[in-house]
PDB file of N, CA and C in Angstrom:
ATOM      1  N   MET A   1     101.010 -44.627 -43.240  1.00  0.00           N
ATOM      2  CA  MET A   1     102.305 -44.563 -42.629  1.00  0.00           C
ATOM      3  C   MET A   1     102.872 -43.168 -42.824  1.00  0.00           C
ATOM      4  N   GLN A   2     103.304 -42.561 -41.749  1.00  0.00           N
ATOM      5  CA  GLN A   2     103.875 -41.230 -41.818  1.00  0.00           C
ATOM      6  C   GLN A   2     105.368 -41.311 -41.589  1.00  0.00           C
ATOM      7  N   VAL A   3     106.046 -40.404 -42.269  1.00  0.00           N
ATOM      8  CA  VAL A   3     107.491 -40.356 -42.134  1.00  0.00           C
ATOM      9  C   VAL A   3     107.855 -39.062 -41.426  1.00  0.00           C
ATOM     10  N   ALA A   4     108.698 -39.141 -40.450  1.00  0.00           N
ATOM     11  CA  ALA A   4     109.158 -37.958 -39.730  1.00  0.00           C
ATOM     12  C   ALA A   4     110.603 -37.693 -40.127  1.00  0.00           C
ATOM     13  N   LEU A   5     110.890 -36.444 -40.379  1.00  0.00           N
ATOM     14  CA  LEU A   5     112.234 -36.060 -40.781  1.00  0.00           C
ATOM     15  C   LEU A   5     112.710 -34.977 -39.836  1.00  0.00           C
ATOM     16  N   LEU A   6     113.832 -35.193 -39.252  1.00  0.00           N
ATOM     17  CA  LEU A   6     114.390 -34.214 -38.328  1.00  0.00           C
ATOM     18  C   LEU A   6     115.339 -33.302 -39.092  1.00  0.00           C
ATOM     19  N   VAL A   7     115.058 -31.973 -38.990  1.00  0.00           N
ATOM     20  CA  VAL A   7     115.872 -30.979 -39.691  1.00  0.00           C
ATOM     21  C   VAL A   7     116.414 -30.017 -38.644  1.00  0.00           C
ATOM     22  N   PRO A   8     117.696 -29.721 -38.695  1.00  0.00           N
ATOM     23  CA  PRO A   8     118.225 -28.744 -37.738  1.00  0.00           C
ATOM     24  C   PRO A   8     117.502 -27.402 -37.879  1.00  0.00           C
ATOM     25  N   GLU A   9     117.398 -26.671 -36.771  1.00  0.00           N
ATOM     26  CA  GLU A   9     116.638 -25.415 -36.752  1.00  0.00           C
ATOM     27  C   GLU A   9     117.183 -24.397 -37.747  1.00  0.00           C
ATOM     28  N   GLN A  10     118.469 -24.275 -37.852  1.00  0.00           N
ATOM     29  CA  GLN A  10     119.072 -23.295 -38.774  1.00  0.00           C
ATOM     30  C   GLN A  10     118.702 -23.618 -40.226  1.00  0.00           C
ATOM     31  N   GLU A  11     118.764 -24.902 -40.578  1.00  0.00           N
ATOM     32  CA  GLU A  11     118.397 -25.307 -41.941  1.00  0.00           C
ATOM     33  C   GLU A  11     116.903 -25.075 -42.183  1.00  0.00           C
ATOM     34  N   TRP A  12     116.064 -25.332 -41.158  1.00  0.00           N
ATOM     35  CA  TRP A  12     114.632 -25.111 -41.286  1.00  0.00           C
ATOM     36  C   TRP A  12     114.322 -23.634 -41.532  1.00  0.00           C
ATOM     37  N   ARG A  13     114.967 -22.741 -40.797  1.00  0.00           N
ATOM     38  CA  ARG A  13     114.764 -21.303 -41.004  1.00  0.00           C
ATOM     39  C   ARG A  13     115.215 -20.877 -42.396  1.00  0.00           C
ATOM     40  N   GLN A  14     116.287 -21.456 -42.877  1.00  0.00           N
ATOM     41  CA  GLN A  14     116.761 -21.145 -44.232  1.00  0.00           C
ATOM     42  C   GLN A  14     115.736 -21.593 -45.273  1.00  0.00           C
ATOM     43  N   LEU A  15     115.174 -22.772 -45.082  1.00  0.00           N
ATOM     44  CA  LEU A  15     114.148 -23.266 -46.009  1.00  0.00           C
ATOM     45  C   LEU A  15     112.914 -22.369 -45.989  1.00  0.00           C
ATOM     46  N   LEU A  16     112.483 -21.939 -44.829  1.00  0.00           N
ATOM     47  CA  LEU A  16     111.324 -21.045 -44.728  1.00  0.00           C
ATOM     48  C   LEU A  16     111.593 -19.702 -45.419  1.00  0.00           C
ATOM     49  N   SER A  17     112.796 -19.160 -45.239  1.00  0.00           N
ATOM     50  CA  SER A  17     113.116 -17.879 -45.898  1.00  0.00           C
ATOM     51  C   SER A  17     113.172 -18.049 -47.414  1.00  0.00           C
ATOM     52  N   ASP A  18     113.660 -19.202 -47.897  1.00  0.00           N
ATOM     53  CA  ASP A  18     113.675 -19.457 -49.347  1.00  0.00           C
ATOM     54  C   ASP A  18     112.261 -19.525 -49.907  1.00  0.00           C
ATOM     55  N   VAL A  19     111.367 -20.200 -49.188  1.00  0.00           N
ATOM     56  CA  VAL A  19     109.969 -20.300 -49.629  1.00  0.00           C
ATOM     57  C   VAL A  19     109.327 -18.919 -49.647  1.00  0.00           C
ATOM     58  N   GLN A  20     109.579 -18.108 -48.616  1.00  0.00           N
ATOM     59  CA  GLN A  20     109.013 -16.757 -48.561  1.00  0.00           C
ATOM     60  C   GLN A  20     109.515 -15.911 -49.723  1.00  0.00           C
ATOM     61  N   ARG A  21     110.818 -16.014 -50.020  1.00  0.00           N
ATOM     62  CA  ARG A  21     111.399 -15.239 -51.135  1.00  0.00           C
ATOM     63  C   ARG A  21     110.782 -15.664 -52.465  1.00  0.00           C
ATOM     64  N   LEU A  22     110.563 -16.955 -52.661  1.00  0.00           N
ATOM     65  CA  LEU A  22     109.933 -17.444 -53.891  1.00  0.00           C
ATOM     66  C   LEU A  22     108.501 -16.939 -54.026  1.00  0.00           C
ATOM     67  N   LYS A  23     107.769 -16.914 -52.909  1.00  0.00           N
ATOM     68  CA  LYS A  23     106.396 -16.388 -52.948  1.00  0.00           C
ATOM     69  C   LYS A  23     106.391 -14.915 -53.335  1.00  0.00           C
ATOM     70  N   GLU A  24     107.338 -14.145 -52.831  1.00  0.00           N
ATOM     71  CA  GLU A  24     107.408 -12.710 -53.149  1.00  0.00           C
ATOM     72  C   GLU A  24     107.746 -12.479 -54.620  1.00  0.00           C
ATOM     73  N   THR A  25     108.672 -13.246 -55.145  1.00  0.00           N
ATOM     74  CA  THR A  25     109.034 -13.055 -56.562  1.00  0.00           C
ATOM     75  C   THR A  25     107.902 -13.493 -57.479  1.00  0.00           C
ATOM     76  N   GLU A  26     107.144 -14.515 -57.068  1.00  0.00           N
ATOM     77  CA  GLU A  26     106.020 -14.960 -57.877  1.00  0.00           C
ATOM     78  C   GLU A  26     104.891 -13.944 -57.862  1.00  0.00           C
ATOM     79  N   ALA A  27     104.704 -13.271 -56.734  1.00  0.00           N
ATOM     80  CA  ALA A  27     103.633 -12.289 -56.605  1.00  0.00           C
ATOM     81  C   ALA A  27     103.991 -10.965 -57.287  1.00  0.00           C
ATOM     82  N   ALA A  28     105.263 -10.728 -57.557  1.00  0.00           N
ATOM     83  CA  ALA A  28     105.687  -9.469 -58.190  1.00  0.00           C
ATOM     84  C   ALA A  28     105.119  -9.404 -59.609  1.00  0.00           C
ATOM     85  N   PRO A  29     104.724  -8.193 -60.048  1.00  0.00           N
ATOM     86  CA  PRO A  29     104.171  -8.081 -61.407  1.00  0.00           C
ATOM     87  C   PRO A  29     105.250  -8.399 -62.449  1.00  0.00           C
ATOM     88  N   LYS A  30     104.854  -9.173 -63.423  1.00  0.00           N
ATOM     89  CA  LYS A  30     105.783  -9.555 -64.489  1.00  0.00           C
ATOM     90  C   LYS A  30     105.664  -8.558 -65.635  1.00  0.00           C
ATOM     91  N   PRO A  31     106.786  -8.222 -66.269  1.00  0.00           N
ATOM     92  CA  PRO A  31     106.706  -7.293 -67.399  1.00  0.00           C
ATOM     93  C   PRO A  31     105.955  -7.924 -68.562  1.00  0.00           C
ATOM     94  N   ALA A  32     105.276  -7.081 -69.308  1.00  0.00           N
ATOM     95  CA  ALA A  32     104.529  -7.568 -70.470  1.00  0.00           C
ATOM     96  C   ALA A  32     105.514  -8.107 -71.506  1.00  0.00           C
ATOM     97  N   PRO A  33     105.168  -9.193 -72.178  1.00  0.00           N
ATOM     98  CA  PRO A  33     106.072  -9.736 -73.186  1.00  0.00           C
ATOM     99  C   PRO A  33     106.242  -8.751 -74.339  1.00  0.00           C
ATOM    100  N   ALA A  34     107.421  -8.744 -74.898  1.00  0.00           N
ATOM    101  CA  ALA A  34     107.704  -7.839 -76.011  1.00  0.00           C
ATOM    102  C   ALA A  34     106.856  -8.241 -77.214  1.00  0.00           C
ATOM    103  N   PRO A  35     106.352  -7.263 -77.951  1.00  0.00           N
ATOM    104  CA  PRO A  35     105.542  -7.617 -79.128  1.00  0.00           C
ATOM    105  C   PRO A  35     106.420  -8.304 -80.175  1.00  0.00           C
ATOM    106  N   THR A  36     105.853  -9.288 -80.813  1.00  0.00           N
ATOM    107  CA  THR A  36     106.607 -10.003 -81.844  1.00  0.00           C
ATOM    108  C   THR A  36     106.690  -9.139 -83.094  1.00  0.00           C
ATOM    109  N   PRO A  37     107.843  -9.133 -83.749  1.00  0.00           N
ATOM    110  CA  PRO A  37     107.962  -8.326 -84.958  1.00  0.00           C
ATOM    111  C   PRO A  37     107.103  -8.919 -86.072  1.00  0.00           C
ATOM    112  N   PRO A  38     106.668  -8.079 -87.001  1.00  0.00           N
ATOM    113  CA  PRO A  38     105.868  -8.607 -88.106  1.00  0.00           C
ATOM    114  C   PRO A  38     106.722  -9.547 -88.956  1.00  0.00           C
ATOM    115  N   PRO A  39     106.105 -10.515 -89.607  1.00  0.00           N
ATOM    116  CA  PRO A  39     106.884 -11.449 -90.427  1.00  0.00           C
ATOM    117  C   PRO A  39     107.525 -10.729 -91.612  1.00  0.00           C
ATOM    118  N   ASP A  40     108.643 -11.262 -92.024  1.00  0.00           N
ATOM    119  CA  ASP A  40     109.375 -10.705 -93.157  1.00  0.00           C
ATOM    120  C   ASP A  40     108.592 -11.017 -94.435  1.00  0.00           C
ATOM    121  N   PRO A  41     108.114  -9.998 -95.170  1.00  0.00           N
ATOM    122  CA  PRO A  41     107.316 -10.284 -96.367  1.00  0.00           C
ATOM    123  C   PRO A  41     108.132 -10.995 -97.446  1.00  0.00           C
ATOM    124  N   ILE A  42     107.453 -11.816 -98.222  1.00  0.00           N
ATOM    125  CA  ILE A  42     108.088 -12.523 -99.335  1.00  0.00           C
ATOM    126  C   ILE A  42     107.582 -11.903-100.624  1.00  0.00           C
ATOM    127  N   LEU A  43     108.519 -11.527-101.497  1.00  0.00           N
ATOM    128  CA  LEU A  43     108.185 -10.919-102.778  1.00  0.00           C
ATOM    129  C   LEU A  43     108.481 -11.898-103.907  1.00  0.00           C
ATOM    130  N   THR A  44     107.643 -11.855-104.954  1.00  0.00           N
ATOM    131  CA  THR A  44     107.904 -12.672-106.131  1.00  0.00           C
ATOM    132  C   THR A  44     109.059 -12.056-106.917  1.00  0.00           C
ATOM    133  N   VAL A  45     109.449 -12.715-107.995  1.00  0.00           N
ATOM    134  CA  VAL A  45     110.565 -12.222-108.798  1.00  0.00           C
ATOM    135  C   VAL A  45     110.245 -10.836-109.366  1.00  0.00           C
ATOM    136  N   ARG A  46     109.046 -10.671-109.881  1.00  0.00           N
ATOM    137  CA  ARG A  46     108.679  -9.364-110.453  1.00  0.00           C
ATOM    138  C   ARG A  46     108.615  -8.275-109.389  1.00  0.00           C
ATOM    139  N   GLU A  47     108.043  -8.589-108.243  1.00  0.00           N
ATOM    140  CA  GLU A  47     107.975  -7.608-107.155  1.00  0.00           C
ATOM    141  C   GLU A  47     109.376  -7.266-106.643  1.00  0.00           C
ATOM    142  N   ALA A  48     110.232  -8.287-106.547  1.00  0.00           N
ATOM    143  CA  ALA A  48     111.609  -8.059-106.103  1.00  0.00           C
ATOM    144  C   ALA A  48     112.356  -7.191-107.109  1.00  0.00           C
ATOM    145  N   ALA A  49     112.146  -7.459-108.378  1.00  0.00           N
ATOM    146  CA  ALA A  49     112.815  -6.670-109.414  1.00  0.00           C
ATOM    147  C   ALA A  49     112.347  -5.214-109.352  1.00  0.00           C
ATOM    148  N   ARG A  50     111.078  -5.005-109.168  1.00  0.00           N
ATOM    149  CA  ARG A  50     110.564  -3.635-109.069  1.00  0.00           C
ATOM    150  C   ARG A  50     111.117  -2.943-107.818  1.00  0.00           C
ATOM    151  N   TYR A  51     111.171  -3.667-106.705  1.00  0.00           N
ATOM    152  CA  TYR A  51     111.686  -3.101-105.464  1.00  0.00           C
ATOM    153  C   TYR A  51     113.158  -2.723-105.595  1.00  0.00           C
ATOM    154  N   MET A  52     113.937  -3.586-106.247  1.00  0.00           N
ATOM    155  CA  MET A  52     115.374  -3.332-106.373  1.00  0.00           C
ATOM    156  C   MET A  52     115.714  -2.503-107.607  1.00  0.00           C
ATOM    157  N   ARG A  53     114.689  -2.163-108.382  1.00  0.00           N
ATOM    158  CA  ARG A  53     114.874  -1.385-109.610  1.00  0.00           C
ATOM    159  C   ARG A  53     115.795  -2.113-110.576  1.00  0.00           C
ATOM    160  N   LEU A  54     115.544  -3.401-110.725  1.00  0.00           N
ATOM    161  CA  LEU A  54     116.253  -4.234-111.684  1.00  0.00           C
ATOM    162  C   LEU A  54     115.238  -4.867-112.610  1.00  0.00           C
ATOM    163  N   LYS A  55     115.735  -5.553-113.600  1.00  0.00           N
ATOM    164  CA  LYS A  55     114.857  -6.350-114.446  1.00  0.00           C
ATOM    165  C   LYS A  55     114.703  -7.723-113.806  1.00  0.00           C
ATOM    166  N   PRO A  56     113.580  -8.398-114.064  1.00  0.00           N
ATOM    167  CA  PRO A  56     113.389  -9.728-113.469  1.00  0.00           C
ATOM    168  C   PRO A  56     114.527 -10.691-113.799  1.00  0.00           C
ATOM    169  N   GLU A  57     115.068 -10.587-114.992  1.00  0.00           N
ATOM    170  CA  GLU A  57     116.174 -11.475-115.375  1.00  0.00           C
ATOM    171  C   GLU A  57     117.413 -11.207-114.518  1.00  0.00           C
ATOM    172  N   GLY A  58     117.623  -9.969-114.119  1.00  0.00           N
ATOM    173  CA  GLY A  58     118.744  -9.647-113.238  1.00  0.00           C
ATOM    174  C   GLY A  58     118.588 -10.277-111.867  1.00  0.00           C
ATOM    175  N   VAL A  59     117.362 -10.313-111.369  1.00  0.00           N
ATOM    176  CA  VAL A  59     117.090 -10.953-110.083  1.00  0.00           C
ATOM    177  C   VAL A  59     117.328 -12.460-110.208  1.00  0.00           C
ATOM    178  N   ARG A  60     116.850 -13.050-111.294  1.00  0.00           N
ATOM    179  CA  ARG A  60     117.053 -14.491-111.500  1.00  0.00           C
ATOM    180  C   ARG A  60     118.536 -14.826-111.618  1.00  0.00           C
ATOM    181  N   ASN A  61     119.275 -14.006-112.344  1.00  0.00           N
ATOM    182  CA  ASN A  61     120.719 -14.246-112.500  1.00  0.00           C
ATOM    183  C   ASN A  61     121.440 -14.130-111.161  1.00  0.00           C
ATOM    184  N   ALA A  62     121.069 -13.156-110.343  1.00  0.00           N
ATOM    185  CA  ALA A  62     121.698 -12.991-109.027  1.00  0.00           C
ATOM    186  C   ALA A  62     121.408 -14.205-108.147  1.00  0.00           C
ATOM    187  N   ARG A  63     120.202 -14.755-108.245  1.00  0.00           N
ATOM    188  CA  ARG A  63     119.868 -15.944-107.467  1.00  0.00           C
ATOM    189  C   ARG A  63     120.657 -17.148-107.963  1.00  0.00           C
ATOM    190  N   ARG A  64     120.735 -17.317-109.269  1.00  0.00           N
ATOM    191  CA  ARG A  64     121.485 -18.456-109.830  1.00  0.00           C
ATOM    192  C   ARG A  64     122.963 -18.384-109.477  1.00  0.00           C
ATOM    193  N   ALA A  65     123.509 -17.169-109.436  1.00  0.00           N
ATOM    194  CA  ALA A  65     124.931 -16.992-109.121  1.00  0.00           C
ATOM    195  C   ALA A  65     125.209 -17.111-107.627  1.00  0.00           C
ATOM    196  N   GLY A  66     124.171 -17.168-106.797  1.00  0.00           N
ATOM    197  CA  GLY A  66     124.353 -17.312-105.369  1.00  0.00           C
ATOM    198  C   GLY A  66     124.508 -15.986-104.635  1.00  0.00           C
ATOM    199  N   ARG A  67     124.341 -14.885-105.315  1.00  0.00           N
ATOM    200  CA  ARG A  67     124.462 -13.583-104.663  1.00  0.00           C
ATOM    201  C   ARG A  67     123.188 -13.202-103.917  1.00  0.00           C
ATOM    202  N   LEU A  68     122.083 -13.852-104.252  1.00  0.00           N
ATOM    203  CA  LEU A  68     120.780 -13.536-103.671  1.00  0.00           C
ATOM    204  C   LEU A  68     120.118 -14.850-103.259  1.00  0.00           C
ATOM    205  N   GLN A  69     119.744 -14.951-102.001  1.00  0.00           N
ATOM    206  CA  GLN A  69     119.100 -16.168-101.500  1.00  0.00           C
ATOM    207  C   GLN A  69     117.605 -16.098-101.776  1.00  0.00           C
ATOM    208  N   GLY A  70     117.064 -17.133-102.391  1.00  0.00           N
ATOM    209  CA  GLY A  70     115.636 -17.188-102.672  1.00  0.00           C
ATOM    210  C   GLY A  70     115.036 -18.437-102.064  1.00  0.00           C
ATOM    211  N   LEU A  71     113.711 -18.504-102.110  1.00  0.00           N
ATOM    212  CA  LEU A  71     113.050 -19.709-101.656  1.00  0.00           C
ATOM    213  C   LEU A  71     112.010 -20.117-102.674  1.00  0.00           C
ATOM    214  N   ARG A  72     111.836 -21.390-102.777  1.00  0.00           N
ATOM    215  CA  ARG A  72     110.944 -21.951-103.777  1.00  0.00           C
ATOM    216  C   ARG A  72     109.493 -21.767-103.344  1.00  0.00           C
ATOM    217  N   LEU A  73     108.681 -21.099-104.156  1.00  0.00           N
ATOM    218  CA  LEU A  73     107.264 -20.944-103.848  1.00  0.00           C
ATOM    219  C   LEU A  73     106.459 -22.120-104.386  1.00  0.00           C
ATOM    220  N   ASN A  74     106.810 -22.562-105.577  1.00  0.00           N
ATOM    221  CA  ASN A  74     106.219 -23.762-106.168  1.00  0.00           C
ATOM    222  C   ASN A  74     107.226 -24.290-107.196  1.00  0.00           C
ATOM    223  N   GLU A  75     106.803 -25.123-108.114  1.00  0.00           N
ATOM    224  CA  GLU A  75     107.744 -25.722-109.065  1.00  0.00           C
ATOM    225  C   GLU A  75     108.406 -24.706-109.991  1.00  0.00           C
ATOM    226  N   LYS A  76     107.719 -23.615-110.275  1.00  0.00           N
ATOM    227  CA  LYS A  76     108.256 -22.640-111.223  1.00  0.00           C
ATOM    228  C   LYS A  76     108.680 -21.328-110.577  1.00  0.00           C
ATOM    229  N   GLU A  77     108.019 -20.926-109.520  1.00  0.00           N
ATOM    230  CA  GLU A  77     108.195 -19.580-108.961  1.00  0.00           C
ATOM    231  C   GLU A  77     109.189 -19.559-107.802  1.00  0.00           C
ATOM    232  N   TRP A  78     109.901 -18.442-107.712  1.00  0.00           N
ATOM    233  CA  TRP A  78     110.814 -18.189-106.608  1.00  0.00           C
ATOM    234  C   TRP A  78     110.327 -16.972-105.847  1.00  0.00           C
ATOM    235  N   GLY A  79     110.627 -16.931-104.567  1.00  0.00           N
ATOM    236  CA  GLY A  79     110.295 -15.791-103.728  1.00  0.00           C
ATOM    237  C   GLY A  79     111.535 -15.323-102.989  1.00  0.00           C
ATOM    238  N   PHE A  80     111.495 -14.082-102.516  1.00  0.00           N
ATOM    239  CA  PHE A  80     112.637 -13.492-101.834  1.00  0.00           C
ATOM    240  C   PHE A  80     112.140 -12.721-100.617  1.00  0.00           C
ATOM    241  N   HIS A  81     112.792 -12.950 -99.474  1.00  0.00           N
ATOM    242  CA  HIS A  81     112.464 -12.181 -98.280  1.00  0.00           C
ATOM    243  C   HIS A  81     112.933 -10.744 -98.476  1.00  0.00           C
ATOM    244  N   LEU A  82     112.153  -9.803 -97.970  1.00  0.00           N
ATOM    245  CA  LEU A  82     112.492  -8.390 -98.105  1.00  0.00           C
ATOM    246  C   LEU A  82     113.827  -8.077 -97.433  1.00  0.00           C
ATOM    247  N   SER A  83     114.104  -8.706 -96.303  1.00  0.00           N
ATOM    248  CA  SER A  83     115.385  -8.472 -95.622  1.00  0.00           C
ATOM    249  C   SER A  83     116.554  -8.945 -96.483  1.00  0.00           C
ATOM    250  N   GLU A  84     116.369 -10.027 -97.236  1.00  0.00           N
ATOM    251  CA  GLU A  84     117.420 -10.518 -98.134  1.00  0.00           C
ATOM    252  C   GLU A  84     117.653  -9.540 -99.279  1.00  0.00           C
ATOM    253  N   LEU A  85     116.587  -8.942 -99.794  1.00  0.00           N
ATOM    254  CA  LEU A  85     116.736  -7.955-100.869  1.00  0.00           C
ATOM    255  C   LEU A  85     117.479  -6.724-100.363  1.00  0.00           C
ATOM    256  N   ASN A  86     117.158  -6.285 -99.145  1.00  0.00           N
ATOM    257  CA  ASN A  86     117.866  -5.137 -98.568  1.00  0.00           C
ATOM    258  C   ASN A  86     119.334  -5.462 -98.331  1.00  0.00           C
ATOM    259  N   ARG A  87     119.617  -6.694 -97.905  1.00  0.00           N
ATOM    260  CA  ARG A  87     121.009  -7.112 -97.709  1.00  0.00           C
ATOM    261  C   ARG A  87     121.764  -7.077 -99.029  1.00  0.00           C
ATOM    262  N   TYR A  88     121.128  -7.558-100.084  1.00  0.00           N
ATOM    263  CA  TYR A  88     121.751  -7.555-101.412  1.00  0.00           C
ATOM    264  C   TYR A  88     122.041  -6.123-101.872  1.00  0.00           C
ATOM    265  N   LEU A  89     121.065  -5.245-101.707  1.00  0.00           N
ATOM    266  CA  LEU A  89     121.254  -3.863-102.143  1.00  0.00           C
ATOM    267  C   LEU A  89     122.389  -3.181-101.392  1.00  0.00           C
ATOM    268  N   SER A  90     122.464  -3.409-100.085  1.00  0.00           N
ATOM    269  CA  SER A  90     123.526  -2.755 -99.320  1.00  0.00           C
ATOM    270  C   SER A  90     124.879  -3.405 -99.577  1.00  0.00           C
ATOM    271  N   ARG A  91     124.906  -4.712 -99.758  1.00  0.00           N
ATOM    272  CA  ARG A  91     126.185  -5.396 -99.969  1.00  0.00           C
ATOM    273  C   ARG A  91     126.810  -5.060-101.313  1.00  0.00           C
ATOM    274  N   TYR A  92     126.009  -5.049-102.362  1.00  0.00           N
ATOM    275  CA  TYR A  92     126.533  -4.816-103.699  1.00  0.00           C
ATOM    276  C   TYR A  92     126.400  -3.366-104.143  1.00  0.00           C
ATOM    277  N   ASN A  93     125.946  -2.501-103.231  1.00  0.00           N
ATOM    278  CA  ASN A  93     125.857  -1.073-103.513  1.00  0.00           C
ATOM    279  C   ASN A  93     125.191  -0.818-104.865  1.00  0.00           C
ATOM    280  N   ARG A  94     124.048  -1.423-105.030  1.00  0.00           N
ATOM    281  CA  ARG A  94     123.341  -1.338-106.314  1.00  0.00           C
ATOM    282  C   ARG A  94     122.708   0.036-106.477  1.00  0.00           C
ATOM    283  N   ARG A  95     122.787   0.539-107.669  1.00  0.00           N
ATOM    284  CA  ARG A  95     122.122   1.798-108.012  1.00  0.00           C
ATOM    285  C   ARG A  95     120.875   1.460-108.798  1.00  0.00           C
ATOM    286  N   PRO A  96     119.829   2.204-108.622  1.00  0.00           N
ATOM    287  CA  PRO A  96     118.580   1.903-109.330  1.00  0.00           C
ATOM    288  C   PRO A  96     118.697   2.170-110.823  1.00  0.00           C
ATOM    289  N   LEU A  97     117.990   1.343-111.599  1.00  0.00           N
ATOM    290  CA  LEU A  97     117.877   1.597-113.031  1.00  0.00           C
ATOM    291  C   LEU A  97     116.930   2.769-113.231  1.00  0.00           C
ATOM    292  N   GLU A  98     117.150   3.557-114.247  1.00  0.00           N
ATOM    293  CA  GLU A  98     116.292   4.706-114.493  1.00  0.00           C
ATOM    294  C   GLU A  98     115.638   4.552-115.859  1.00  0.00           C
ATOM    295  N   GLY A  99     114.491   5.107-115.983  1.00  0.00           N
ATOM    296  CA  GLY A  99     113.783   5.056-117.247  1.00  0.00           C
ATOM    297  C   GLY A  99     112.304   4.883-117.008  1.00  0.00           C
ATOM    298  N   PRO A 100     111.496   4.877-118.073  1.00  0.00           N
ATOM    299  CA  PRO A 100     110.046   4.782-117.915  1.00  0.00           C
ATOM    300  C   PRO A 100     109.602   3.425-117.352  1.00  0.00           C
ATOM    301  N   GLU A 101     110.374   2.348-117.597  1.00  0.00           N
ATOM    302  CA  GLU A 101     109.972   1.039-117.085  1.00  0.00           C
ATOM    303  C   GLU A 101     110.232   0.911-115.588  1.00  0.00           C
ATOM    304  N   HIS A 102     111.184   1.698-115.087  1.00  0.00           N
ATOM    305  CA  HIS A 102     111.590   1.582-113.691  1.00  0.00           C
ATOM    306  C   HIS A 102     111.468   2.934-112.999  1.00  0.00           C
ATOM    307  N   PRO A 103     110.259   3.321-112.624  1.00  0.00           N
ATOM    308  CA  PRO A 103     110.110   4.599-111.922  1.00  0.00           C
ATOM    309  C   PRO A 103     110.783   4.548-110.560  1.00  0.00           C
ATOM    310  N   ALA A 104     111.165   5.706-110.106  1.00  0.00           N
ATOM    311  CA  ALA A 104     111.817   5.784-108.792  1.00  0.00           C
ATOM    312  C   ALA A 104     110.819   5.384-107.709  1.00  0.00           C
ATOM    313  N   LEU A 105     111.191   4.370-106.920  1.00  0.00           N
ATOM    314  CA  LEU A 105     110.343   3.898-105.835  1.00  0.00           C
ATOM    315  C   LEU A 105     110.993   4.250-104.518  1.00  0.00           C
ATOM    316  N   PRO A 106     110.219   4.585-103.508  1.00  0.00           N
ATOM    317  CA  PRO A 106     110.823   4.796-102.197  1.00  0.00           C
ATOM    318  C   PRO A 106     111.296   3.451-101.639  1.00  0.00           C
ATOM    319  N   VAL A 107     112.413   3.449-100.972  1.00  0.00           N
ATOM    320  CA  VAL A 107     112.940   2.222-100.385  1.00  0.00           C
ATOM    321  C   VAL A 107     112.119   1.885 -99.157  1.00  0.00           C
ATOM    322  N   LEU A 108     111.590   0.665 -99.120  1.00  0.00           N
ATOM    323  CA  LEU A 108     110.787   0.223 -97.985  1.00  0.00           C
ATOM    324  C   LEU A 108     111.708  -0.115 -96.837  1.00  0.00           C
ATOM    325  N   LYS A 109     111.305   0.244 -95.637  1.00  0.00           N
ATOM    326  CA  LYS A 109     112.108  -0.064 -94.454  1.00  0.00           C
ATOM    327  C   LYS A 109     111.514  -1.275 -93.757  1.00  0.00           C
ATOM    328  N   THR A 110     112.390  -2.144 -93.264  1.00  0.00           N
ATOM    329  CA  THR A 110     111.944  -3.300 -92.524  1.00  0.00           C
ATOM    330  C   THR A 110     112.225  -3.075 -91.043  1.00  0.00           C
ATOM    331  N   ALA A 111     111.490  -3.777 -90.220  1.00  0.00           N
ATOM    332  CA  ALA A 111     111.729  -3.684 -88.778  1.00  0.00           C
ATOM    333  C   ALA A 111     113.034  -4.393 -88.455  1.00  0.00           C
ATOM    334  N   ALA A 112     113.944  -3.672 -87.813  1.00  0.00           N
ATOM    335  CA  ALA A 112     115.244  -4.283 -87.506  1.00  0.00           C
ATOM    336  C   ALA A 112     115.317  -4.707 -86.079  1.00  0.00           C
TER     337      ALA A 112
END
């Protein structure tokens, strides 16, 4: 069984032009997708302390006080995203500790 549908000529021409426009946009080259940024590295308490030039206990205290957001790695260990450590350093205007235990480290830059 076939169904016939009567469409006014003006509406039919509009439908044909819409189909043609869709075909042209589909055939147009699409821009390459933007590269995904690298994942934010996670540092352990000791690595975070070395990066921020603090003692590990200072990092733990900042996390307990809520000034530094951490994530649980396992039952005992905590980890910190590098972007969170940079946020902490800029927010609290921390100065590096100096001495033989805490050598001057270059500040790592993250992709923003």
